[in-house]
ModelCIF file with pLDDT and N, C-alpha, C, O atoms, coordinates in Angstrom:
data_MODEL
#
_entry.id   MODEL 
#
_entity.id                         1 
_entity.type                       polymer 
_entity.pdbx_number_of_molecules   1 
#
_entity_poly.entity_id                      1 
_entity_poly.type                           'polypeptide(L)' 
_entity_poly.nstd_linkage                   no 
_entity_poly.nstd_monomer                   no 
_entity_poly.pdbx_seq_one_letter_code       AGNHVLDTTDALCDWLLDEHHVATVPGTAFGAPGSIRLS 
_entity_poly.pdbx_seq_one_letter_code_can   AGNHVLDTTDALCDWLLDEHHVATVPGTAFGAPGSIRLS 
_entity_poly.pdbx_strand_id                 A 
#
loop_
_entity_poly_seq.entity_id 
_entity_poly_seq.num 
_entity_poly_seq.mon_id 
_entity_poly_seq.hetero 
1 1  ALA n 
1 2  GLY n 
1 3  ASN n 
1 4  HIS n 
1 5  VAL n 
1 6  LEU n 
1 7  ASP n 
1 8  THR n 
1 9  THR n 
1 10 ASP n 
1 11 ALA n 
1 12 LEU n 
1 13 CYS n 
1 14 ASP n 
1 15 TRP n 
1 16 LEU n 
1 17 LEU n 
1 18 ASP n 
1 19 GLU n 
1 20 HIS n 
1 21 HIS n 
1 22 VAL n 
1 23 ALA n 
1 24 THR n 
1 25 VAL n 
1 26 PRO n 
1 27 GLY n 
1 28 THR n 
1 29 ALA n 
1 30 PHE n 
1 31 GLY n 
1 32 ALA n 
1 33 PRO n 
1 34 GLY n 
1 35 SER n 
1 36 ILE n 
1 37 ARG n 
1 38 LEU n 
1 39 SER n 
#
_struct_asym.id          A 
_struct_asym.entity_id   1 
#
loop_
_ma_qa_metric.id 
_ma_qa_metric.mode 
_ma_qa_metric.name 
_ma_qa_metric.software_group_id 
_ma_qa_metric.type 
1 global pLDDT . pLDDT 
2 local  pLDDT . pLDDT 
#
_ma_qa_metric_global.metric_id      1 
_ma_qa_metric_global.metric_value   93.49 
_ma_qa_metric_global.model_id       1 
_ma_qa_metric_global.ordinal_id     1 
#
loop_
_ma_qa_metric_local.label_asym_id 
_ma_qa_metric_local.label_comp_id 
_ma_qa_metric_local.label_seq_id 
_ma_qa_metric_local.metric_id 
_ma_qa_metric_local.metric_value 
_ma_qa_metric_local.model_id 
_ma_qa_metric_local.ordinal_id 
A ALA 1  2 84.00 1 1  
A GLY 2  2 81.00 1 2  
A ASN 3  2 80.00 1 3  
A HIS 4  2 79.00 1 4  
A VAL 5  2 85.00 1 5  
A LEU 6  2 92.00 1 6  
A ASP 7  2 93.00 1 7  
A THR 8  2 95.00 1 8  
A THR 9  2 95.00 1 9  
A ASP 10 2 94.00 1 10 
A ALA 11 2 94.00 1 11 
A LEU 12 2 96.00 1 12 
A CYS 13 2 96.00 1 13 
A ASP 14 2 94.00 1 14 
A TRP 15 2 96.00 1 15 
A LEU 16 2 97.00 1 16 
A LEU 17 2 96.00 1 17 
A ASP 18 2 94.00 1 18 
A GLU 19 2 95.00 1 19 
A HIS 20 2 96.00 1 20 
A HIS 21 2 97.00 1 21 
A VAL 22 2 97.00 1 22 
A ALA 23 2 96.00 1 23 
A THR 24 2 97.00 1 24 
A VAL 25 2 96.00 1 25 
A PRO 26 2 96.00 1 26 
A GLY 27 2 95.00 1 27 
A THR 28 2 92.00 1 28 
A ALA 29 2 89.00 1 29 
A PHE 30 2 95.00 1 30 
A GLY 31 2 94.00 1 31 
A ALA 32 2 95.00 1 32 
A PRO 33 2 94.00 1 33 
A GLY 34 2 96.00 1 34 
A SER 35 2 97.00 1 35 
A ILE 36 2 97.00 1 36 
A ARG 37 2 97.00 1 37 
A LEU 38 2 97.00 1 38 
A SER 39 2 97.00 1 39 
#
loop_
_atom_site.group_PDB 
_atom_site.id 
_atom_site.type_symbol 
_atom_site.label_atom_id 
_atom_site.label_alt_id 
_atom_site.label_comp_id 
_atom_site.label_asym_id 
_atom_site.label_entity_id 
_atom_site.label_seq_id 
_atom_site.pdbx_PDB_ins_code 
_atom_site.Cartn_x 
_atom_site.Cartn_y 
_atom_site.Cartn_z 
_atom_site.occupancy 
_atom_site.B_iso_or_equiv 
_atom_site.pdbx_formal_charge 
_atom_site.auth_seq_id 
_atom_site.auth_comp_id 
_atom_site.auth_asym_id 
_atom_site.auth_atom_id 
_atom_site.pdbx_PDB_model_num 
ATOM 1   N N  . ALA A 1 1  ? 15.816 59.001 71.583 1.00 84.00 ? 1  ALA A N  1 
ATOM 2   C CA . ALA A 1 1  ? 16.419 57.451 72.198 1.00 84.00 ? 1  ALA A CA 1 
ATOM 3   C C  . ALA A 1 1  ? 17.533 58.519 72.979 1.00 84.00 ? 1  ALA A C  1 
ATOM 4   O O  . ALA A 1 1  ? 18.391 59.172 72.385 1.00 84.00 ? 1  ALA A O  1 
ATOM 5   N N  . GLY A 1 2  ? 17.285 58.519 74.489 1.00 81.00 ? 2  GLY A N  1 
ATOM 6   C CA . GLY A 1 2  ? 18.251 58.981 74.999 1.00 81.00 ? 2  GLY A CA 1 
ATOM 7   C C  . GLY A 1 2  ? 17.585 60.712 75.579 1.00 81.00 ? 2  GLY A C  1 
ATOM 8   O O  . GLY A 1 2  ? 16.800 61.171 76.410 1.00 81.00 ? 2  GLY A O  1 
ATOM 9   N N  . ASN A 1 3  ? 18.028 60.933 75.065 1.00 80.00 ? 3  ASN A N  1 
ATOM 10  C CA . ASN A 1 3  ? 18.409 63.275 75.479 1.00 80.00 ? 3  ASN A CA 1 
ATOM 11  C C  . ASN A 1 3  ? 17.635 63.419 73.897 1.00 80.00 ? 3  ASN A C  1 
ATOM 12  O O  . ASN A 1 3  ? 17.259 64.578 73.725 1.00 80.00 ? 3  ASN A O  1 
ATOM 13  N N  . HIS A 1 4  ? 17.422 62.795 73.097 1.00 79.00 ? 4  HIS A N  1 
ATOM 14  C CA . HIS A 1 4  ? 17.565 63.126 72.021 1.00 79.00 ? 4  HIS A CA 1 
ATOM 15  C C  . HIS A 1 4  ? 16.271 62.851 70.980 1.00 79.00 ? 4  HIS A C  1 
ATOM 16  O O  . HIS A 1 4  ? 15.974 61.716 70.609 1.00 79.00 ? 4  HIS A O  1 
ATOM 17  N N  . VAL A 1 5  ? 15.488 64.159 70.530 1.00 85.00 ? 5  VAL A N  1 
ATOM 18  C CA . VAL A 1 5  ? 13.939 63.514 70.420 1.00 85.00 ? 5  VAL A CA 1 
ATOM 19  C C  . VAL A 1 5  ? 14.267 63.837 68.658 1.00 85.00 ? 5  VAL A C  1 
ATOM 20  O O  . VAL A 1 5  ? 14.602 64.900 68.135 1.00 85.00 ? 5  VAL A O  1 
ATOM 21  N N  . LEU A 1 6  ? 14.076 62.776 68.161 1.00 92.00 ? 6  LEU A N  1 
ATOM 22  C CA . LEU A 1 6  ? 13.987 62.491 66.676 1.00 92.00 ? 6  LEU A CA 1 
ATOM 23  C C  . LEU A 1 6  ? 13.335 62.641 65.824 1.00 92.00 ? 6  LEU A C  1 
ATOM 24  O O  . LEU A 1 6  ? 13.068 61.674 65.111 1.00 92.00 ? 6  LEU A O  1 
ATOM 25  N N  . ASP A 1 7  ? 12.932 63.618 65.608 1.00 93.00 ? 7  ASP A N  1 
ATOM 26  C CA . ASP A 1 7  ? 11.705 64.329 65.390 1.00 93.00 ? 7  ASP A CA 1 
ATOM 27  C C  . ASP A 1 7  ? 11.376 65.153 63.497 1.00 93.00 ? 7  ASP A C  1 
ATOM 28  O O  . ASP A 1 7  ? 10.550 65.630 62.720 1.00 93.00 ? 7  ASP A O  1 
ATOM 29  N N  . THR A 1 8  ? 13.247 64.654 63.808 1.00 95.00 ? 8  THR A N  1 
ATOM 30  C CA . THR A 1 8  ? 12.986 64.894 61.863 1.00 95.00 ? 8  THR A CA 1 
ATOM 31  C C  . THR A 1 8  ? 14.109 64.553 61.280 1.00 95.00 ? 8  THR A C  1 
ATOM 32  O O  . THR A 1 8  ? 15.042 65.147 61.820 1.00 95.00 ? 8  THR A O  1 
ATOM 33  N N  . THR A 1 9  ? 14.634 63.499 59.961 1.00 95.00 ? 9  THR A N  1 
ATOM 34  C CA . THR A 1 9  ? 16.105 63.129 59.395 1.00 95.00 ? 9  THR A CA 1 
ATOM 35  C C  . THR A 1 9  ? 17.175 63.914 59.658 1.00 95.00 ? 9  THR A C  1 
ATOM 36  O O  . THR A 1 9  ? 18.156 63.697 58.947 1.00 95.00 ? 9  THR A O  1 
ATOM 37  N N  . ASP A 1 10 ? 17.264 64.727 60.439 1.00 94.00 ? 10 ASP A N  1 
ATOM 38  C CA . ASP A 1 10 ? 18.383 66.044 60.189 1.00 94.00 ? 10 ASP A CA 1 
ATOM 39  C C  . ASP A 1 10 ? 18.424 64.982 61.292 1.00 94.00 ? 10 ASP A C  1 
ATOM 40  O O  . ASP A 1 10 ? 19.148 63.987 61.334 1.00 94.00 ? 10 ASP A O  1 
ATOM 41  N N  . ALA A 1 11 ? 17.482 65.399 62.199 1.00 94.00 ? 11 ALA A N  1 
ATOM 42  C CA . ALA A 1 11 ? 18.425 64.913 63.934 1.00 94.00 ? 11 ALA A CA 1 
ATOM 43  C C  . ALA A 1 11 ? 18.763 62.902 63.926 1.00 94.00 ? 11 ALA A C  1 
ATOM 44  O O  . ALA A 1 11 ? 19.848 62.439 64.277 1.00 94.00 ? 11 ALA A O  1 
ATOM 45  N N  . LEU A 1 12 ? 18.096 62.408 63.662 1.00 96.00 ? 12 LEU A N  1 
ATOM 46  C CA . LEU A 1 12 ? 18.235 60.917 63.198 1.00 96.00 ? 12 LEU A CA 1 
ATOM 47  C C  . LEU A 1 12 ? 19.140 61.252 62.688 1.00 96.00 ? 12 LEU A C  1 
ATOM 48  O O  . LEU A 1 12 ? 19.983 61.266 63.585 1.00 96.00 ? 12 LEU A O  1 
ATOM 49  N N  . CYS A 1 13 ? 19.684 61.617 61.631 1.00 96.00 ? 13 CYS A N  1 
ATOM 50  C CA . CYS A 1 13 ? 21.493 61.315 61.563 1.00 96.00 ? 13 CYS A CA 1 
ATOM 51  C C  . CYS A 1 13 ? 22.287 62.500 62.615 1.00 96.00 ? 13 CYS A C  1 
ATOM 52  O O  . CYS A 1 13 ? 22.988 61.908 63.436 1.00 96.00 ? 13 CYS A O  1 
ATOM 53  N N  . ASP A 1 14 ? 22.323 63.617 62.734 1.00 94.00 ? 14 ASP A N  1 
ATOM 54  C CA . ASP A 1 14 ? 23.230 63.877 64.352 1.00 94.00 ? 14 ASP A CA 1 
ATOM 55  C C  . ASP A 1 14 ? 22.805 62.636 64.657 1.00 94.00 ? 14 ASP A C  1 
ATOM 56  O O  . ASP A 1 14 ? 23.469 61.724 64.166 1.00 94.00 ? 14 ASP A O  1 
ATOM 57  N N  . TRP A 1 15 ? 22.002 62.382 65.242 1.00 96.00 ? 15 TRP A N  1 
ATOM 58  C CA . TRP A 1 15 ? 22.106 61.358 66.429 1.00 96.00 ? 15 TRP A CA 1 
ATOM 59  C C  . TRP A 1 15 ? 22.510 59.315 65.886 1.00 96.00 ? 15 TRP A C  1 
ATOM 60  O O  . TRP A 1 15 ? 22.819 58.244 66.408 1.00 96.00 ? 15 TRP A O  1 
ATOM 61  N N  . LEU A 1 16 ? 22.243 59.852 64.693 1.00 97.00 ? 16 LEU A N  1 
ATOM 62  C CA . LEU A 1 16 ? 23.669 58.273 64.628 1.00 97.00 ? 16 LEU A CA 1 
ATOM 63  C C  . LEU A 1 16 ? 25.406 58.116 64.628 1.00 97.00 ? 16 LEU A C  1 
ATOM 64  O O  . LEU A 1 16 ? 26.318 57.405 65.050 1.00 97.00 ? 16 LEU A O  1 
ATOM 65  N N  . LEU A 1 17 ? 25.125 59.311 63.844 1.00 96.00 ? 17 LEU A N  1 
ATOM 66  C CA . LEU A 1 17 ? 27.380 60.098 63.620 1.00 96.00 ? 17 LEU A CA 1 
ATOM 67  C C  . LEU A 1 17 ? 26.978 60.707 65.282 1.00 96.00 ? 17 LEU A C  1 
ATOM 68  O O  . LEU A 1 17 ? 26.421 59.694 65.705 1.00 96.00 ? 17 LEU A O  1 
ATOM 69  N N  . ASP A 1 18 ? 26.960 61.022 65.647 1.00 94.00 ? 18 ASP A N  1 
ATOM 70  C CA . ASP A 1 18 ? 27.039 61.723 67.639 1.00 94.00 ? 18 ASP A CA 1 
ATOM 71  C C  . ASP A 1 18 ? 27.579 59.937 68.904 1.00 94.00 ? 18 ASP A C  1 
ATOM 72  O O  . ASP A 1 18 ? 28.528 59.593 69.607 1.00 94.00 ? 18 ASP A O  1 
ATOM 73  N N  . GLU A 1 19 ? 26.203 59.369 68.464 1.00 95.00 ? 19 GLU A N  1 
ATOM 74  C CA . GLU A 1 19 ? 26.005 58.237 69.220 1.00 95.00 ? 19 GLU A CA 1 
ATOM 75  C C  . GLU A 1 19 ? 26.381 56.755 68.652 1.00 95.00 ? 19 GLU A C  1 
ATOM 76  O O  . GLU A 1 19 ? 26.790 55.917 69.456 1.00 95.00 ? 19 GLU A O  1 
ATOM 77  N N  . HIS A 1 20 ? 26.198 56.315 66.796 1.00 96.00 ? 20 HIS A N  1 
ATOM 78  C CA . HIS A 1 20 ? 27.040 55.449 66.152 1.00 96.00 ? 20 HIS A CA 1 
ATOM 79  C C  . HIS A 1 20 ? 28.020 55.088 65.453 1.00 96.00 ? 20 HIS A C  1 
ATOM 80  O O  . HIS A 1 20 ? 28.441 54.021 65.007 1.00 96.00 ? 20 HIS A O  1 
ATOM 81  N N  . HIS A 1 21 ? 28.461 56.663 65.415 1.00 97.00 ? 21 HIS A N  1 
ATOM 82  C CA . HIS A 1 21 ? 29.342 57.165 64.216 1.00 97.00 ? 21 HIS A CA 1 
ATOM 83  C C  . HIS A 1 21 ? 28.824 56.468 62.553 1.00 97.00 ? 21 HIS A C  1 
ATOM 84  O O  . HIS A 1 21 ? 29.624 56.104 61.691 1.00 97.00 ? 21 HIS A O  1 
ATOM 85  N N  . VAL A 1 22 ? 27.798 56.437 62.471 1.00 97.00 ? 22 VAL A N  1 
ATOM 86  C CA . VAL A 1 22 ? 27.958 55.946 61.327 1.00 97.00 ? 22 VAL A CA 1 
ATOM 87  C C  . VAL A 1 22 ? 27.304 57.293 60.430 1.00 97.00 ? 22 VAL A C  1 
ATOM 88  O O  . VAL A 1 22 ? 26.120 57.576 60.249 1.00 97.00 ? 22 VAL A O  1 
ATOM 89  N N  . ALA A 1 23 ? 27.877 57.619 60.209 1.00 96.00 ? 23 ALA A N  1 
ATOM 90  C CA . ALA A 1 23 ? 27.390 59.325 58.981 1.00 96.00 ? 23 ALA A CA 1 
ATOM 91  C C  . ALA A 1 23 ? 26.961 58.921 57.093 1.00 96.00 ? 23 ALA A C  1 
ATOM 92  O O  . ALA A 1 23 ? 27.444 58.549 56.023 1.00 96.00 ? 23 ALA A O  1 
ATOM 93  N N  . THR A 1 24 ? 25.556 59.398 57.864 1.00 97.00 ? 24 THR A N  1 
ATOM 94  C CA . THR A 1 24 ? 24.330 59.776 56.628 1.00 97.00 ? 24 THR A CA 1 
ATOM 95  C C  . THR A 1 24 ? 24.395 61.001 55.636 1.00 97.00 ? 24 THR A C  1 
ATOM 96  O O  . THR A 1 24 ? 25.471 61.556 55.415 1.00 97.00 ? 24 THR A O  1 
ATOM 97  N N  . VAL A 1 25 ? 23.028 61.475 54.947 1.00 96.00 ? 25 VAL A N  1 
ATOM 98  C CA . VAL A 1 25 ? 22.387 62.373 55.159 1.00 96.00 ? 25 VAL A CA 1 
ATOM 99  C C  . VAL A 1 25 ? 21.352 62.479 55.104 1.00 96.00 ? 25 VAL A C  1 
ATOM 100 O O  . VAL A 1 25 ? 20.644 61.810 54.352 1.00 96.00 ? 25 VAL A O  1 
ATOM 101 N N  . PRO A 1 26 ? 20.945 63.350 55.883 1.00 96.00 ? 26 PRO A N  1 
ATOM 102 C CA . PRO A 1 26 ? 19.186 63.808 56.092 1.00 96.00 ? 26 PRO A CA 1 
ATOM 103 C C  . PRO A 1 26 ? 18.181 63.429 54.031 1.00 96.00 ? 26 PRO A C  1 
ATOM 104 O O  . PRO A 1 26 ? 18.721 63.621 52.941 1.00 96.00 ? 26 PRO A O  1 
ATOM 105 N N  . GLY A 1 27 ? 17.382 63.137 54.166 1.00 95.00 ? 27 GLY A N  1 
ATOM 106 C CA . GLY A 1 27 ? 16.754 62.687 53.164 1.00 95.00 ? 27 GLY A CA 1 
ATOM 107 C C  . GLY A 1 27 ? 15.795 64.902 52.585 1.00 95.00 ? 27 GLY A C  1 
ATOM 108 O O  . GLY A 1 27 ? 15.073 65.118 51.612 1.00 95.00 ? 27 GLY A O  1 
ATOM 109 N N  . THR A 1 28 ? 16.152 65.705 53.406 1.00 92.00 ? 28 THR A N  1 
ATOM 110 C CA . THR A 1 28 ? 15.343 67.240 53.229 1.00 92.00 ? 28 THR A CA 1 
ATOM 111 C C  . THR A 1 28 ? 16.849 67.669 52.280 1.00 92.00 ? 28 THR A C  1 
ATOM 112 O O  . THR A 1 28 ? 16.790 68.734 51.664 1.00 92.00 ? 28 THR A O  1 
ATOM 113 N N  . ALA A 1 29 ? 18.062 66.902 52.187 1.00 89.00 ? 29 ALA A N  1 
ATOM 114 C CA . ALA A 1 29 ? 18.940 67.841 50.841 1.00 89.00 ? 29 ALA A CA 1 
ATOM 115 C C  . ALA A 1 29 ? 18.671 67.297 49.299 1.00 89.00 ? 29 ALA A C  1 
ATOM 116 O O  . ALA A 1 29 ? 19.170 67.826 48.306 1.00 89.00 ? 29 ALA A O  1 
ATOM 117 N N  . PHE A 1 30 ? 17.747 66.086 49.274 1.00 95.00 ? 30 PHE A N  1 
ATOM 118 C CA . PHE A 1 30 ? 17.227 65.676 47.741 1.00 95.00 ? 30 PHE A CA 1 
ATOM 119 C C  . PHE A 1 30 ? 15.308 65.825 48.264 1.00 95.00 ? 30 PHE A C  1 
ATOM 120 O O  . PHE A 1 30 ? 14.537 64.920 47.946 1.00 95.00 ? 30 PHE A O  1 
ATOM 121 N N  . GLY A 1 31 ? 15.077 66.399 48.632 1.00 94.00 ? 31 GLY A N  1 
ATOM 122 C CA . GLY A 1 31 ? 13.269 66.840 49.034 1.00 94.00 ? 31 GLY A CA 1 
ATOM 123 C C  . GLY A 1 31 ? 12.504 65.853 49.465 1.00 94.00 ? 31 GLY A C  1 
ATOM 124 O O  . GLY A 1 31 ? 11.296 65.955 49.256 1.00 94.00 ? 31 GLY A O  1 
ATOM 125 N N  . ALA A 1 32 ? 13.059 64.582 50.216 1.00 95.00 ? 32 ALA A N  1 
ATOM 126 C CA . ALA A 1 32 ? 12.076 64.205 50.398 1.00 95.00 ? 32 ALA A CA 1 
ATOM 127 C C  . ALA A 1 32 ? 12.590 63.371 52.518 1.00 95.00 ? 32 ALA A C  1 
ATOM 128 O O  . ALA A 1 32 ? 12.806 62.291 53.067 1.00 95.00 ? 32 ALA A O  1 
ATOM 129 N N  . PRO A 1 33 ? 12.525 64.609 52.786 1.00 94.00 ? 33 PRO A N  1 
ATOM 130 C CA . PRO A 1 33 ? 12.387 64.700 54.281 1.00 94.00 ? 33 PRO A CA 1 
ATOM 131 C C  . PRO A 1 33 ? 12.537 63.513 55.554 1.00 94.00 ? 33 PRO A C  1 
ATOM 132 O O  . PRO A 1 33 ? 13.099 63.567 56.647 1.00 94.00 ? 33 PRO A O  1 
ATOM 133 N N  . GLY A 1 34 ? 11.611 62.226 54.731 1.00 96.00 ? 34 GLY A N  1 
ATOM 134 C CA . GLY A 1 34 ? 11.198 61.162 55.148 1.00 96.00 ? 34 GLY A CA 1 
ATOM 135 C C  . GLY A 1 34 ? 12.601 60.656 55.335 1.00 96.00 ? 34 GLY A C  1 
ATOM 136 O O  . GLY A 1 34 ? 13.145 60.839 56.424 1.00 96.00 ? 34 GLY A O  1 
ATOM 137 N N  . SER A 1 35 ? 13.350 59.919 54.185 1.00 97.00 ? 35 SER A N  1 
ATOM 138 C CA . SER A 1 35 ? 14.478 59.729 53.838 1.00 97.00 ? 35 SER A CA 1 
ATOM 139 C C  . SER A 1 35 ? 16.092 59.867 54.667 1.00 97.00 ? 35 SER A C  1 
ATOM 140 O O  . SER A 1 35 ? 16.524 60.901 55.177 1.00 97.00 ? 35 SER A O  1 
ATOM 141 N N  . ILE A 1 36 ? 16.696 58.717 54.629 1.00 97.00 ? 36 ILE A N  1 
ATOM 142 C CA . ILE A 1 36 ? 18.081 58.904 54.546 1.00 97.00 ? 36 ILE A CA 1 
ATOM 143 C C  . ILE A 1 36 ? 19.016 58.361 53.699 1.00 97.00 ? 36 ILE A C  1 
ATOM 144 O O  . ILE A 1 36 ? 18.972 57.132 53.762 1.00 97.00 ? 36 ILE A O  1 
ATOM 145 N N  . ARG A 1 37 ? 20.000 58.848 52.789 1.00 97.00 ? 37 ARG A N  1 
ATOM 146 C CA . ARG A 1 37 ? 21.112 58.401 52.312 1.00 97.00 ? 37 ARG A CA 1 
ATOM 147 C C  . ARG A 1 37 ? 21.882 57.970 53.088 1.00 97.00 ? 37 ARG A C  1 
ATOM 148 O O  . ARG A 1 37 ? 22.076 58.273 54.265 1.00 97.00 ? 37 ARG A O  1 
ATOM 149 N N  . LEU A 1 38 ? 22.668 56.750 52.015 1.00 97.00 ? 38 LEU A N  1 
ATOM 150 C CA . LEU A 1 38 ? 23.814 55.993 52.291 1.00 97.00 ? 38 LEU A CA 1 
ATOM 151 C C  . LEU A 1 38 ? 24.378 55.235 51.068 1.00 97.00 ? 38 LEU A C  1 
ATOM 152 O O  . LEU A 1 38 ? 23.907 54.390 50.307 1.00 97.00 ? 38 LEU A O  1 
ATOM 153 N N  . SER A 1 39 ? 26.038 56.110 51.214 1.00 97.00 ? 39 SER A N  1 
ATOM 154 C CA . SER A 1 39 ? 26.197 55.905 49.407 1.00 97.00 ? 39 SER A CA 1 
ATOM 155 C C  . SER A 1 39 ? 27.066 54.727 50.294 1.00 97.00 ? 39 SER A C  1 
ATOM 156 O O  . SER A 1 39 ? 27.711 53.861 49.704 1.00 97.00 ? 39 SER A O  1 
#
């Protein structure tokens, strides 16, 4: 996405926050690196 390579959920969550101003949590924190958590 632009100059961002979204190869992990950590990268995806950073991109969502930086470019679209939505803060989520990568699933790596919960032992599931293919998902993201939204409260």
